[in-house]
């Protein structure tokens, strides 16, 4: 079964919403724990970054079956959690990701596309 990942990242807390941000992160973590307990995802990891001058302050990496993880993005509860995060953080993003055993298939697609470009360039 192909694995997939989603990265949910966030930036700085909107001033005045610090307490709400903490509660929102706790709610999001409980949601991820439940998804894992229900077998909808394999695992998740919360990462909070040290100050580094970027708009990304932290992220959650959610990993599981590729199709199931992709479907999360359209489920009402997931969207509701993301809206909650957007109300307390700037620069919220949800991005598909390749990790672990899925990297070779990504690199194979990269090589295939690169070969096509090289062939096209040589025929022009």
PDB file of N, CA and C in Angstrom:
ATOM      1  N   UNK A   1       0.850  -1.183   0.000  1.00  0.00           N
ATOM      2  CA  UNK A   1       0.000   0.000   0.000  1.00  0.00           C
ATOM      3  C   UNK A   1       0.892   1.242   0.000  1.00  0.00           C
ATOM      4  N   UNK A   2       0.650   2.142  -0.934  1.00  0.00           N
ATOM      5  CA  UNK A   2       1.448   3.361  -1.057  1.00  0.00           C
ATOM      6  C   UNK A   2       1.201   4.281   0.127  1.00  0.00           C
ATOM      7  N   UNK A   3       2.264   4.880   0.613  1.00  0.00           N
ATOM      8  CA  UNK A   3       2.166   5.812   1.722  1.00  0.00           C
ATOM      9  C   UNK A   3       2.137   7.238   1.200  1.00  0.00           C
ATOM     10  N   UNK A   4       1.502   8.089   1.959  1.00  0.00           N
ATOM     11  CA  UNK A   4       1.444   9.499   1.628  1.00  0.00           C
ATOM     12  C   UNK A   4       1.563  10.318   2.892  1.00  0.00           C
ATOM     13  N   UNK A   5       1.874  11.571   2.724  1.00  0.00           N
ATOM     14  CA  UNK A   5       2.012  12.465   3.876  1.00  0.00           C
ATOM     15  C   UNK A   5       1.413  13.824   3.569  1.00  0.00           C
ATOM     16  N   UNK A   6       0.980  14.469   4.618  1.00  0.00           N
ATOM     17  CA  UNK A   6       0.513  15.852   4.559  1.00  0.00           C
ATOM     18  C   UNK A   6       1.306  16.638   5.590  1.00  0.00           C
ATOM     19  N   UNK A   7       1.757  17.812   5.197  1.00  0.00           N
ATOM     20  CA  UNK A   7       2.406  18.711   6.127  1.00  0.00           C
ATOM     21  C   UNK A   7       1.445  19.877   6.364  1.00  0.00           C
ATOM     22  N   UNK A   8       1.084  20.079   7.611  1.00  0.00           N
ATOM     23  CA  UNK A   8       0.261  21.226   7.992  1.00  0.00           C
ATOM     24  C   UNK A   8       1.182  22.160   8.756  1.00  0.00           C
ATOM     25  N   UNK A   9       1.493  23.292   8.140  1.00  0.00           N
ATOM     26  CA  UNK A   9       2.432  24.227   8.755  1.00  0.00           C
ATOM     27  C   UNK A   9       1.750  25.508   9.182  1.00  0.00           C
ATOM     28  N   UNK A  10       2.369  26.185  10.115  1.00  0.00           N
ATOM     29  CA  UNK A  10       1.830  27.456  10.603  1.00  0.00           C
ATOM     30  C   UNK A  10       2.964  28.420  10.906  1.00  0.00           C
ATOM     31  N   UNK A  11       2.609  29.693  10.866  1.00  0.00           N
ATOM     32  CA  UNK A  11       3.559  30.756  11.163  1.00  0.00           C
ATOM     33  C   UNK A  11       3.309  31.343  12.540  1.00  0.00           C
ATOM     34  N   UNK A  12       3.645  32.615  12.671  1.00  0.00           N
ATOM     35  CA  UNK A  12       3.556  33.261  13.975  1.00  0.00           C
ATOM     36  C   UNK A  12       2.115  33.325  14.474  1.00  0.00           C
ATOM     37  N   UNK A  13       2.001  33.366  15.782  1.00  0.00           N
ATOM     38  CA  UNK A  13       0.687  33.522  16.412  1.00  0.00           C
ATOM     39  C   UNK A  13       0.226  34.960  16.195  1.00  0.00           C
ATOM     40  N   UNK A  14      -1.036  35.115  15.873  1.00  0.00           N
ATOM     41  CA  UNK A  14      -1.612  36.446  15.729  1.00  0.00           C
ATOM     42  C   UNK A  14      -1.647  37.077  17.120  1.00  0.00           C
ATOM     43  N   UNK A  15      -1.066  38.268  17.302  1.00  0.00           N
ATOM     44  CA  UNK A  15      -1.018  38.898  18.626  1.00  0.00           C
ATOM     45  C   UNK A  15      -2.404  38.961  19.283  1.00  0.00           C
ATOM     46  N   UNK A  16      -2.418  38.610  20.565  1.00  0.00           N
ATOM     47  CA  UNK A  16      -3.655  38.605  21.336  1.00  0.00           C
ATOM     48  C   UNK A  16      -4.379  37.262  21.315  1.00  0.00           C
ATOM     49  N   UNK A  17      -3.867  36.310  20.527  1.00  0.00           N
ATOM     50  CA  UNK A  17      -4.530  35.005  20.417  1.00  0.00           C
ATOM     51  C   UNK A  17      -3.656  33.866  20.940  1.00  0.00           C
ATOM     52  N   UNK A  18      -2.730  34.200  21.825  1.00  0.00           N
ATOM     53  CA  UNK A  18      -1.784  33.216  22.344  1.00  0.00           C
ATOM     54  C   UNK A  18      -2.468  32.054  23.066  1.00  0.00           C
ATOM     55  N   UNK A  19      -3.397  32.359  23.955  1.00  0.00           N
ATOM     56  CA  UNK A  19      -4.110  31.297  24.695  1.00  0.00           C
ATOM     57  C   UNK A  19      -4.952  30.462  23.748  1.00  0.00           C
ATOM     58  N   UNK A  20      -5.613  31.115  22.818  1.00  0.00           N
ATOM     59  CA  UNK A  20      -6.424  30.388  21.841  1.00  0.00           C
ATOM     60  C   UNK A  20      -5.539  29.499  20.968  1.00  0.00           C
ATOM     61  N   UNK A  21      -4.330  29.959  20.656  1.00  0.00           N
ATOM     62  CA  UNK A  21      -3.408  29.166  19.833  1.00  0.00           C
ATOM     63  C   UNK A  21      -3.024  27.882  20.550  1.00  0.00           C
ATOM     64  N   UNK A  22      -2.762  27.982  21.837  1.00  0.00           N
ATOM     65  CA  UNK A  22      -2.403  26.789  22.618  1.00  0.00           C
ATOM     66  C   UNK A  22      -3.567  25.799  22.633  1.00  0.00           C
ATOM     67  N   UNK A  23      -4.765  26.285  22.857  1.00  0.00           N
ATOM     68  CA  UNK A  23      -5.947  25.423  22.872  1.00  0.00           C
ATOM     69  C   UNK A  23      -6.188  24.804  21.494  1.00  0.00           C
ATOM     70  N   UNK A  24      -5.948  25.576  20.438  1.00  0.00           N
ATOM     71  CA  UNK A  24      -6.137  25.090  19.075  1.00  0.00           C
ATOM     72  C   UNK A  24      -5.150  23.977  18.756  1.00  0.00           C
ATOM     73  N   UNK A  25      -3.887  24.132  19.162  1.00  0.00           N
ATOM     74  CA  UNK A  25      -2.893  23.088  18.933  1.00  0.00           C
ATOM     75  C   UNK A  25      -3.276  21.820  19.688  1.00  0.00           C
ATOM     76  N   UNK A  26      -3.732  21.975  20.928  1.00  0.00           N
ATOM     77  CA  UNK A  26      -4.167  20.802  21.697  1.00  0.00           C
ATOM     78  C   UNK A  26      -5.326  20.089  21.014  1.00  0.00           C
ATOM     79  N   UNK A  27      -6.284  20.859  20.496  1.00  0.00           N
ATOM     80  CA  UNK A  27      -7.432  20.271  19.793  1.00  0.00           C
ATOM     81  C   UNK A  27      -6.964  19.535  18.546  1.00  0.00           C
ATOM     82  N   UNK A  28      -6.039  20.127  17.796  1.00  0.00           N
ATOM     83  CA  UNK A  28      -5.519  19.503  16.583  1.00  0.00           C
ATOM     84  C   UNK A  28      -4.771  18.213  16.913  1.00  0.00           C
ATOM     85  N   UNK A  29      -4.011  18.218  18.001  1.00  0.00           N
ATOM     86  CA  UNK A  29      -3.287  17.013  18.409  1.00  0.00           C
ATOM     87  C   UNK A  29      -4.264  15.908  18.803  1.00  0.00           C
ATOM     88  N   UNK A  30      -5.329  16.259  19.514  1.00  0.00           N
ATOM     89  CA  UNK A  30      -6.343  15.262  19.885  1.00  0.00           C
ATOM     90  C   UNK A  30      -6.998  14.674  18.635  1.00  0.00           C
ATOM     91  N   UNK A  31      -7.245  15.506  17.652  1.00  0.00           N
ATOM     92  CA  UNK A  31      -7.806  15.059  16.380  1.00  0.00           C
ATOM     93  C   UNK A  31      -6.865  14.047  15.721  1.00  0.00           C
ATOM     94  N   UNK A  32      -5.571  14.358  15.672  1.00  0.00           N
ATOM     95  CA  UNK A  32      -4.592  13.451  15.069  1.00  0.00           C
ATOM     96  C   UNK A  32      -4.479  12.144  15.847  1.00  0.00           C
ATOM     97  N   UNK A  33      -4.514  12.230  17.160  1.00  0.00           N
ATOM     98  CA  UNK A  33      -4.477  11.016  17.993  1.00  0.00           C
ATOM     99  C   UNK A  33      -5.670  10.128  17.657  1.00  0.00           C
ATOM    100  N   UNK A  34      -6.836  10.732  17.535  1.00  0.00           N
ATOM    101  CA  UNK A  34      -8.041   9.957  17.211  1.00  0.00           C
ATOM    102  C   UNK A  34      -7.929   9.326  15.826  1.00  0.00           C
ATOM    103  N   UNK A  35      -7.428  10.092  14.838  1.00  0.00           N
ATOM    104  CA  UNK A  35      -7.234   9.536  13.501  1.00  0.00           C
ATOM    105  C   UNK A  35      -6.322   8.315  13.547  1.00  0.00           C
ATOM    106  N   UNK A  36      -5.274   8.398  14.348  1.00  0.00           N
ATOM    107  CA  UNK A  36      -4.335   7.284  14.470  1.00  0.00           C
ATOM    108  C   UNK A  36      -5.002   6.095  15.169  1.00  0.00           C
ATOM    109  N   UNK A  37      -5.727   6.345  16.236  1.00  0.00           N
ATOM    110  CA  UNK A  37      -6.414   5.268  16.954  1.00  0.00           C
ATOM    111  C   UNK A  37      -7.451   4.572  16.074  1.00  0.00           C
ATOM    112  N   UNK A  38      -8.097   5.339  15.198  1.00  0.00           N
ATOM    113  CA  UNK A  38      -9.108   4.781  14.291  1.00  0.00           C
ATOM    114  C   UNK A  38      -8.482   4.101  13.074  1.00  0.00           C
ATOM    115  N   UNK A  39      -7.164   4.174  12.951  1.00  0.00           N
ATOM    116  CA  UNK A  39      -6.475   3.547  11.835  1.00  0.00           C
ATOM    117  C   UNK A  39      -6.529   4.332  10.539  1.00  0.00           C
ATOM    118  N   UNK A  40      -6.986   5.584  10.583  1.00  0.00           N
ATOM    119  CA  UNK A  40      -7.044   6.400   9.376  1.00  0.00           C
ATOM    120  C   UNK A  40      -5.665   6.908   8.958  1.00  0.00           C
ATOM    121  N   UNK A  41      -4.771   7.065   9.915  1.00  0.00           N
ATOM    122  CA  UNK A  41      -3.385   7.449   9.620  1.00  0.00           C
ATOM    123  C   UNK A  41      -2.463   6.505  10.369  1.00  0.00           C
ATOM    124  N   UNK A  42      -1.240   6.383   9.889  1.00  0.00           N
ATOM    125  CA  UNK A  42      -0.257   5.539  10.563  1.00  0.00           C
ATOM    126  C   UNK A  42       0.372   6.262  11.749  1.00  0.00           C
ATOM    127  N   UNK A  43       0.706   7.524  11.493  1.00  0.00           N
ATOM    128  CA  UNK A  43       1.393   8.288  12.535  1.00  0.00           C
ATOM    129  C   UNK A  43       1.327   9.779  12.214  1.00  0.00           C
ATOM    130  N   UNK A  44       1.716  10.561  13.215  1.00  0.00           N
ATOM    131  CA  UNK A  44       1.854  11.996  13.006  1.00  0.00           C
ATOM    132  C   UNK A  44       2.950  12.478  13.930  1.00  0.00           C
ATOM    133  N   UNK A  45       3.581  13.567  13.534  1.00  0.00           N
ATOM    134  CA  UNK A  45       4.621  14.162  14.365  1.00  0.00           C
ATOM    135  C   UNK A  45       4.448  15.667  14.365  1.00  0.00           C
ATOM    136  N   UNK A  46       4.442  16.244  15.561  1.00  0.00           N
ATOM    137  CA  UNK A  46       4.350  17.694  15.718  1.00  0.00           C
ATOM    138  C   UNK A  46       5.764  18.229  15.888  1.00  0.00           C
ATOM    139  N   UNK A  47       6.097  19.243  15.100  1.00  0.00           N
ATOM    140  CA  UNK A  47       7.431  19.846  15.165  1.00  0.00           C
ATOM    141  C   UNK A  47       7.259  21.345  15.367  1.00  0.00           C
ATOM    142  N   UNK A  48       7.878  21.872  16.418  1.00  0.00           N
ATOM    143  CA  UNK A  48       7.903  23.318  16.661  1.00  0.00           C
ATOM    144  C   UNK A  48       9.338  23.765  16.423  1.00  0.00           C
ATOM    145  N   UNK A  49       9.510  24.733  15.547  1.00  0.00           N
ATOM    146  CA  UNK A  49      10.837  25.171  15.143  1.00  0.00           C
ATOM    147  C   UNK A  49      11.353  26.304  16.031  1.00  0.00           C
ATOM    148  N   UNK A  50      12.656  26.324  16.224  1.00  0.00           N
ATOM    149  CA  UNK A  50      13.261  27.442  16.952  1.00  0.00           C
ATOM    150  C   UNK A  50      13.264  28.660  16.040  1.00  0.00           C
ATOM    151  N   UNK A  51      13.407  29.864  16.602  1.00  0.00           N
ATOM    152  CA  UNK A  51      13.424  31.067  15.755  1.00  0.00           C
ATOM    153  C   UNK A  51      14.507  30.968  14.686  1.00  0.00           C
ATOM    154  N   UNK A  52      14.116  31.261  13.431  1.00  0.00           N
ATOM    155  CA  UNK A  52      15.071  31.131  12.330  1.00  0.00           C
ATOM    156  C   UNK A  52      14.808  32.115  11.184  1.00  0.00           C
ATOM    157  N   UNK A  53      13.912  33.079  11.385  1.00  0.00           N
ATOM    158  CA  UNK A  53      13.705  34.121  10.392  1.00  0.00           C
ATOM    159  C   UNK A  53      12.809  33.735   9.236  1.00  0.00           C
ATOM    160  N   UNK A  54      12.082  32.656   9.352  1.00  0.00           N
ATOM    161  CA  UNK A  54      11.184  32.219   8.282  1.00  0.00           C
ATOM    162  C   UNK A  54       9.732  32.385   8.732  1.00  0.00           C
ATOM    163  N   UNK A  55       8.816  32.240   7.793  1.00  0.00           N
ATOM    164  CA  UNK A  55       7.394  32.336   8.142  1.00  0.00           C
ATOM    165  C   UNK A  55       6.841  31.009   8.647  1.00  0.00           C
ATOM    166  N   UNK A  56       7.665  29.968   8.686  1.00  0.00           N
ATOM    167  CA  UNK A  56       7.233  28.661   9.191  1.00  0.00           C
ATOM    168  C   UNK A  56       7.724  28.489  10.628  1.00  0.00           C
ATOM    169  N   UNK A  57       6.785  28.445  11.571  1.00  0.00           N
ATOM    170  CA  UNK A  57       7.154  28.285  12.978  1.00  0.00           C
ATOM    171  C   UNK A  57       7.006  26.855  13.475  1.00  0.00           C
ATOM    172  N   UNK A  58       6.213  26.054  12.773  1.00  0.00           N
ATOM    173  CA  UNK A  58       6.037  24.667  13.155  1.00  0.00           C
ATOM    174  C   UNK A  58       5.164  23.948  12.154  1.00  0.00           C
ATOM    175  N   UNK A  59       5.075  22.632  12.336  1.00  0.00           N
ATOM    176  CA  UNK A  59       4.241  21.845  11.437  1.00  0.00           C
ATOM    177  C   UNK A  59       3.902  20.503  12.061  1.00  0.00           C
ATOM    178  N   UNK A  60       2.867  19.891  11.502  1.00  0.00           N
ATOM    179  CA  UNK A  60       2.497  18.521  11.831  1.00  0.00           C
ATOM    180  C   UNK A  60       2.666  17.731  10.544  1.00  0.00           C
ATOM    181  N   UNK A  61       3.367  16.611  10.614  1.00  0.00           N
ATOM    182  CA  UNK A  61       3.513  15.726   9.474  1.00  0.00           C
ATOM    183  C   UNK A  61       2.627  14.514   9.732  1.00  0.00           C
ATOM    184  N   UNK A  62       1.633  14.326   8.882  1.00  0.00           N
ATOM    185  CA  UNK A  62       0.673  13.233   9.001  1.00  0.00           C
ATOM    186  C   UNK A  62       0.991  12.221   7.911  1.00  0.00           C
ATOM    187  N   UNK A  63       1.130  10.945   8.281  1.00  0.00           N
ATOM    188  CA  UNK A  63       1.498   9.913   7.320  1.00  0.00           C
ATOM    189  C   UNK A  63       0.546   8.732   7.413  1.00  0.00           C
ATOM    190  N   UNK A  64       0.203   8.192   6.248  1.00  0.00           N
ATOM    191  CA  UNK A  64      -0.663   7.019   6.194  1.00  0.00           C
ATOM    192  C   UNK A  64      -0.861   6.588   4.754  1.00  0.00           C
ATOM    193  N   UNK A  65      -1.909   5.800   4.519  1.00  0.00           N
ATOM    194  CA  UNK A  65      -2.244   5.385   3.167  1.00  0.00           C
ATOM    195  C   UNK A  65      -2.413   6.624   2.295  1.00  0.00           C
ATOM    196  N   UNK A  66      -1.812   6.608   1.122  1.00  0.00           N
ATOM    197  CA  UNK A  66      -1.769   7.785   0.246  1.00  0.00           C
ATOM    198  C   UNK A  66      -3.160   8.341  -0.057  1.00  0.00           C
ATOM    199  N   UNK A  67      -4.093   7.472  -0.426  1.00  0.00           N
ATOM    200  CA  UNK A  67      -5.441   7.930  -0.767  1.00  0.00           C
ATOM    201  C   UNK A  67      -6.193   8.441   0.457  1.00  0.00           C
ATOM    202  N   UNK A  68      -6.052   7.761   1.581  1.00  0.00           N
ATOM    203  CA  UNK A  68      -6.742   8.176   2.803  1.00  0.00           C
ATOM    204  C   UNK A  68      -6.242   9.530   3.282  1.00  0.00           C
ATOM    205  N   UNK A  69      -4.929   9.714   3.259  1.00  0.00           N
ATOM    206  CA  UNK A  69      -4.343  10.986   3.687  1.00  0.00           C
ATOM    207  C   UNK A  69      -4.787  12.109   2.745  1.00  0.00           C
ATOM    208  N   UNK A  70      -4.819  11.823   1.444  1.00  0.00           N
ATOM    209  CA  UNK A  70      -5.266  12.834   0.483  1.00  0.00           C
ATOM    210  C   UNK A  70      -6.728  13.214   0.726  1.00  0.00           C
ATOM    211  N   UNK A  71      -7.553  12.244   1.086  1.00  0.00           N
ATOM    212  CA  UNK A  71      -8.979  12.500   1.331  1.00  0.00           C
ATOM    213  C   UNK A  71      -9.214  13.334   2.585  1.00  0.00           C
ATOM    214  N   UNK A  72      -8.293  13.296   3.523  1.00  0.00           N
ATOM    215  CA  UNK A  72      -8.449  14.090   4.748  1.00  0.00           C
ATOM    216  C   UNK A  72      -8.704  15.558   4.424  1.00  0.00           C
ATOM    217  N   UNK A  73      -8.023  16.057   3.399  1.00  0.00           N
ATOM    218  CA  UNK A  73      -8.097  17.480   3.045  1.00  0.00           C
ATOM    219  C   UNK A  73      -9.512  17.952   2.754  1.00  0.00           C
ATOM    220  N   UNK A  74     -10.400  17.025   2.366  1.00  0.00           N
ATOM    221  CA  UNK A  74     -11.758  17.416   2.000  1.00  0.00           C
ATOM    222  C   UNK A  74     -12.788  17.076   3.075  1.00  0.00           C
ATOM    223  N   UNK A  75     -12.368  16.424   4.146  1.00  0.00           N
ATOM    224  CA  UNK A  75     -13.306  16.071   5.211  1.00  0.00           C
ATOM    225  C   UNK A  75     -13.618  17.289   6.071  1.00  0.00           C
ATOM    226  N   UNK A  76     -14.886  17.443   6.413  1.00  0.00           N
ATOM    227  CA  UNK A  76     -15.337  18.610   7.170  1.00  0.00           C
ATOM    228  C   UNK A  76     -14.567  18.823   8.468  1.00  0.00           C
ATOM    229  N   UNK A  77     -14.297  17.757   9.203  1.00  0.00           N
ATOM    230  CA  UNK A  77     -13.607  17.920  10.483  1.00  0.00           C
ATOM    231  C   UNK A  77     -12.172  18.430  10.277  1.00  0.00           C
ATOM    232  N   UNK A  78     -11.473  17.911   9.281  1.00  0.00           N
ATOM    233  CA  UNK A  78     -10.124  18.384   8.977  1.00  0.00           C
ATOM    234  C   UNK A  78     -10.158  19.860   8.598  1.00  0.00           C
ATOM    235  N   UNK A  79     -11.082  20.218   7.706  1.00  0.00           N
ATOM    236  CA  UNK A  79     -11.206  21.619   7.276  1.00  0.00           C
ATOM    237  C   UNK A  79     -11.510  22.514   8.473  1.00  0.00           C
ATOM    238  N   UNK A  80     -12.365  22.048   9.371  1.00  0.00           N
ATOM    239  CA  UNK A  80     -12.701  22.818  10.573  1.00  0.00           C
ATOM    240  C   UNK A  80     -11.473  23.037  11.460  1.00  0.00           C
ATOM    241  N   UNK A  81     -10.663  21.998  11.623  1.00  0.00           N
ATOM    242  CA  UNK A  81      -9.431  22.132  12.414  1.00  0.00           C
ATOM    243  C   UNK A  81      -8.500  23.149  11.757  1.00  0.00           C
ATOM    244  N   UNK A  82      -8.365  23.086  10.432  1.00  0.00           N
ATOM    245  CA  UNK A  82      -7.486  24.019   9.717  1.00  0.00           C
ATOM    246  C   UNK A  82      -8.002  25.449   9.848  1.00  0.00           C
ATOM    247  N   UNK A  83      -9.308  25.637   9.761  1.00  0.00           N
ATOM    248  CA  UNK A  83      -9.874  26.982   9.947  1.00  0.00           C
ATOM    249  C   UNK A  83      -9.539  27.496  11.341  1.00  0.00           C
ATOM    250  N   UNK A  84      -9.642  26.633  12.353  1.00  0.00           N
ATOM    251  CA  UNK A  84      -9.273  27.031  13.707  1.00  0.00           C
ATOM    252  C   UNK A  84      -7.829  27.487  13.792  1.00  0.00           C
ATOM    253  N   UNK A  85      -6.941  26.773  13.115  1.00  0.00           N
ATOM    254  CA  UNK A  85      -5.523  27.152  13.102  1.00  0.00           C
ATOM    255  C   UNK A  85      -5.343  28.499  12.391  1.00  0.00           C
ATOM    256  N   UNK A  86      -6.065  28.701  11.292  1.00  0.00           N
ATOM    257  CA  UNK A  86      -5.958  29.962  10.557  1.00  0.00           C
ATOM    258  C   UNK A  86      -6.416  31.161  11.384  1.00  0.00           C
ATOM    259  N   UNK A  87      -7.323  30.936  12.313  1.00  0.00           N
ATOM    260  CA  UNK A  87      -7.828  32.028  13.130  1.00  0.00           C
ATOM    261  C   UNK A  87      -6.845  32.474  14.211  1.00  0.00           C
ATOM    262  N   UNK A  88      -5.807  31.664  14.469  1.00  0.00           N
ATOM    263  CA  UNK A  88      -4.848  32.026  15.517  1.00  0.00           C
ATOM    264  C   UNK A  88      -3.403  32.141  15.020  1.00  0.00           C
ATOM    265  N   UNK A  89      -3.150  31.690  13.796  1.00  0.00           N
ATOM    266  CA  UNK A  89      -1.790  31.738  13.228  1.00  0.00           C
ATOM    267  C   UNK A  89      -1.804  32.369  11.847  1.00  0.00           C
ATOM    268  N   UNK A  90      -0.701  32.975  11.504  1.00  0.00           N
ATOM    269  CA  UNK A  90      -0.489  33.464  10.136  1.00  0.00           C
ATOM    270  C   UNK A  90       0.179  32.352   9.316  1.00  0.00           C
ATOM    271  N   UNK A  91       0.105  32.487   8.012  1.00  0.00           N
ATOM    272  CA  UNK A  91       0.843  31.615   7.082  1.00  0.00           C
ATOM    273  C   UNK A  91       0.556  30.122   7.273  1.00  0.00           C
ATOM    274  N   UNK A  92      -0.710  29.778   7.381  1.00  0.00           N
ATOM    275  CA  UNK A  92      -1.092  28.372   7.510  1.00  0.00           C
ATOM    276  C   UNK A  92      -1.066  27.743   6.121  1.00  0.00           C
ATOM    277  N   UNK A  93      -0.534  26.538   6.051  1.00  0.00           N
ATOM    278  CA  UNK A  93      -0.449  25.841   4.779  1.00  0.00           C
ATOM    279  C   UNK A  93      -0.674  24.344   4.980  1.00  0.00           C
ATOM    280  N   UNK A  94      -1.276  23.718   3.992  1.00  0.00           N
ATOM    281  CA  UNK A  94      -1.454  22.267   3.955  1.00  0.00           C
ATOM    282  C   UNK A  94      -0.839  21.803   2.642  1.00  0.00           C
ATOM    283  N   UNK A  95       0.196  20.961   2.748  1.00  0.00           N
ATOM    284  CA  UNK A  95       0.972  20.589   1.572  1.00  0.00           C
ATOM    285  C   UNK A  95       1.176  19.078   1.553  1.00  0.00           C
ATOM    286  N   UNK A  96       0.911  18.456   0.409  1.00  0.00           N
ATOM    287  CA  UNK A  96       1.237  17.047   0.244  1.00  0.00           C
ATOM    288  C   UNK A  96       2.743  16.872   0.289  1.00  0.00           C
ATOM    289  N   UNK A  97       3.193  15.721   0.805  1.00  0.00           N
ATOM    290  CA  UNK A  97       4.628  15.498   0.963  1.00  0.00           C
ATOM    291  C   UNK A  97       4.985  14.050   0.630  1.00  0.00           C
ATOM    292  N   UNK A  98       6.212  13.859   0.200  1.00  0.00           N
ATOM    293  CA  UNK A  98       6.761  12.530  -0.038  1.00  0.00           C
ATOM    294  C   UNK A  98       7.782  12.258   1.060  1.00  0.00           C
ATOM    295  N   UNK A  99       7.708  11.086   1.662  1.00  0.00           N
ATOM    296  CA  UNK A  99       8.649  10.717   2.717  1.00  0.00           C
ATOM    297  C   UNK A  99       9.047   9.258   2.564  1.00  0.00           C
ATOM    298  N   UNK A 100      10.146   8.914   3.190  1.00  0.00           N
ATOM    299  CA  UNK A 100      10.551   7.514   3.293  1.00  0.00           C
ATOM    300  C   UNK A 100      10.515   6.732   2.004  1.00  0.00           C
ATOM    301  N   UNK A 101       9.770   5.624   2.021  1.00  0.00           N
ATOM    302  CA  UNK A 101       9.740   4.694   0.894  1.00  0.00           C
ATOM    303  C   UNK A 101       9.114   5.294  -0.363  1.00  0.00           C
ATOM    304  N   UNK A 102       8.422   6.415  -0.239  1.00  0.00           N
ATOM    305  CA  UNK A 102       7.800   7.042  -1.401  1.00  0.00           C
ATOM    306  C   UNK A 102       8.785   7.907  -2.195  1.00  0.00           C
ATOM    307  N   UNK A 103       9.921   8.216  -1.616  1.00  0.00           N
ATOM    308  CA  UNK A 103      10.893   9.068  -2.308  1.00  0.00           C
ATOM    309  C   UNK A 103      11.405   8.452  -3.614  1.00  0.00           C
ATOM    310  N   UNK A 104      11.712   7.146  -3.675  1.00  0.00           N
ATOM    311  CA  UNK A 104      12.181   6.592  -4.951  1.00  0.00           C
ATOM    312  C   UNK A 104      11.186   6.772  -6.098  1.00  0.00           C
ATOM    313  N   UNK A 105       9.876   6.652  -5.821  1.00  0.00           N
ATOM    314  CA  UNK A 105       8.900   6.843  -6.906  1.00  0.00           C
ATOM    315  C   UNK A 105       8.881   8.299  -7.356  1.00  0.00           C
ATOM    316  N   UNK A 106       9.041   9.226  -6.431  1.00  0.00           N
ATOM    317  CA  UNK A 106       9.110  10.640  -6.796  1.00  0.00           C
ATOM    318  C   UNK A 106      10.346  10.910  -7.653  1.00  0.00           C
ATOM    319  N   UNK A 107      11.479  10.369  -7.235  1.00  0.00           N
ATOM    320  CA  UNK A 107      12.716  10.573  -7.988  1.00  0.00           C
ATOM    321  C   UNK A 107      12.637   9.924  -9.367  1.00  0.00           C
ATOM    322  N   UNK A 108      11.950   8.782  -9.478  1.00  0.00           N
ATOM    323  CA  UNK A 108      11.776   8.127 -10.776  1.00  0.00           C
ATOM    324  C   UNK A 108      10.946   9.024 -11.701  1.00  0.00           C
ATOM    325  N   UNK A 109       9.873   9.632 -11.160  1.00  0.00           N
ATOM    326  CA  UNK A 109       9.070  10.548 -11.969  1.00  0.00           C
ATOM    327  C   UNK A 109       9.905  11.749 -12.389  1.00  0.00           C
ATOM    328  N   UNK A 110      10.738  12.242 -11.490  1.00  0.00           N
ATOM    329  CA  UNK A 110      11.617  13.372 -11.779  1.00  0.00           C
ATOM    330  C   UNK A 110      12.535  13.017 -12.955  1.00  0.00           C
ATOM    331  N   UNK A 111      13.173  11.844 -12.846  1.00  0.00           N
ATOM    332  CA  UNK A 111      14.076  11.406 -13.914  1.00  0.00           C
ATOM    333  C   UNK A 111      13.346  11.270 -15.243  1.00  0.00           C
ATOM    334  N   UNK A 112      12.139  10.703 -15.214  1.00  0.00           N
ATOM    335  CA  UNK A 112      11.352  10.529 -16.430  1.00  0.00           C
ATOM    336  C   UNK A 112      11.045  11.868 -17.088  1.00  0.00           C
ATOM    337  N   UNK A 113      10.630  12.831 -16.289  1.00  0.00           N
ATOM    338  CA  UNK A 113      10.324  14.158 -16.838  1.00  0.00           C
ATOM    339  C   UNK A 113      11.573  14.857 -17.337  1.00  0.00           C
ATOM    340  N   UNK A 114      12.654  14.681 -16.630  1.00  0.00           N
ATOM    341  CA  UNK A 114      13.913  15.292 -17.062  1.00  0.00           C
ATOM    342  C   UNK A 114      14.359  14.697 -18.398  1.00  0.00           C
ATOM    343  N   UNK A 115      14.228  13.378 -18.542  1.00  0.00           N
ATOM    344  CA  UNK A 115      14.579  12.724 -19.806  1.00  0.00           C
ATOM    345  C   UNK A 115      13.723  13.261 -20.949  1.00  0.00           C
ATOM    346  N   UNK A 116      12.420  13.450 -20.701  1.00  0.00           N
ATOM    347  CA  UNK A 116      11.523  13.985 -21.732  1.00  0.00           C
ATOM    348  C   UNK A 116      11.954  15.383 -22.167  1.00  0.00           C
ATOM    349  N   UNK A 117      12.339  16.196 -21.209  1.00  0.00           N
ATOM    350  CA  UNK A 117      12.785  17.556 -21.514  1.00  0.00           C
ATOM    351  C   UNK A 117      14.056  17.520 -22.357  1.00  0.00           C
ATOM    352  N   UNK A 118      14.990  16.650 -21.985  1.00  0.00           N
ATOM    353  CA  UNK A 118      16.240  16.541 -22.731  1.00  0.00           C
ATOM    354  C   UNK A 118      15.979  16.073 -24.152  1.00  0.00           C
ATOM    355  N   UNK A 119      15.069  15.107 -24.335  1.00  0.00           N
ATOM    356  CA  UNK A 119      14.733  14.619 -25.669  1.00  0.00           C
ATOM    357  C   UNK A 119      14.112  15.743 -26.482  1.00  0.00           C
ATOM    358  N   UNK A 120      13.192  16.493 -25.895  1.00  0.00           N
ATOM    359  CA  UNK A 120      12.541  17.607 -26.593  1.00  0.00           C
ATOM    360  C   UNK A 120      13.560  18.675 -26.974  1.00  0.00           C
ATOM    361  N   UNK A 121      14.489  18.956 -26.078  1.00  0.00           N
ATOM    362  CA  UNK A 121      15.498  19.975 -26.382  1.00  0.00           C
ATOM    363  C   UNK A 121      16.390  19.546 -27.550  1.00  0.00           C
ATOM    364  N   UNK A 122      16.655  18.270 -27.644  1.00  0.00           N
ATOM    365  CA  UNK A 122      17.537  17.758 -28.713  1.00  0.00           C
ATOM    366  C   UNK A 122      16.820  17.671 -30.051  1.00  0.00           C
ATOM    367  N   UNK A 123      15.493  17.698 -30.051  1.00  0.00           N
ATOM    368  CA  UNK A 123      14.764  17.624 -31.306  1.00  0.00           C
ATOM    369  C   UNK A 123      14.385  18.992 -31.836  1.00  0.00           C
ATOM    370  N   UNK A 124      14.656  20.012 -31.081  1.00  0.00           N
ATOM    371  CA  UNK A 124      14.287  21.378 -31.519  1.00  0.00           C
ATOM    372  C   UNK A 124      15.409  21.965 -32.342  1.00  0.00           C
TER     373      UNK A 124
END
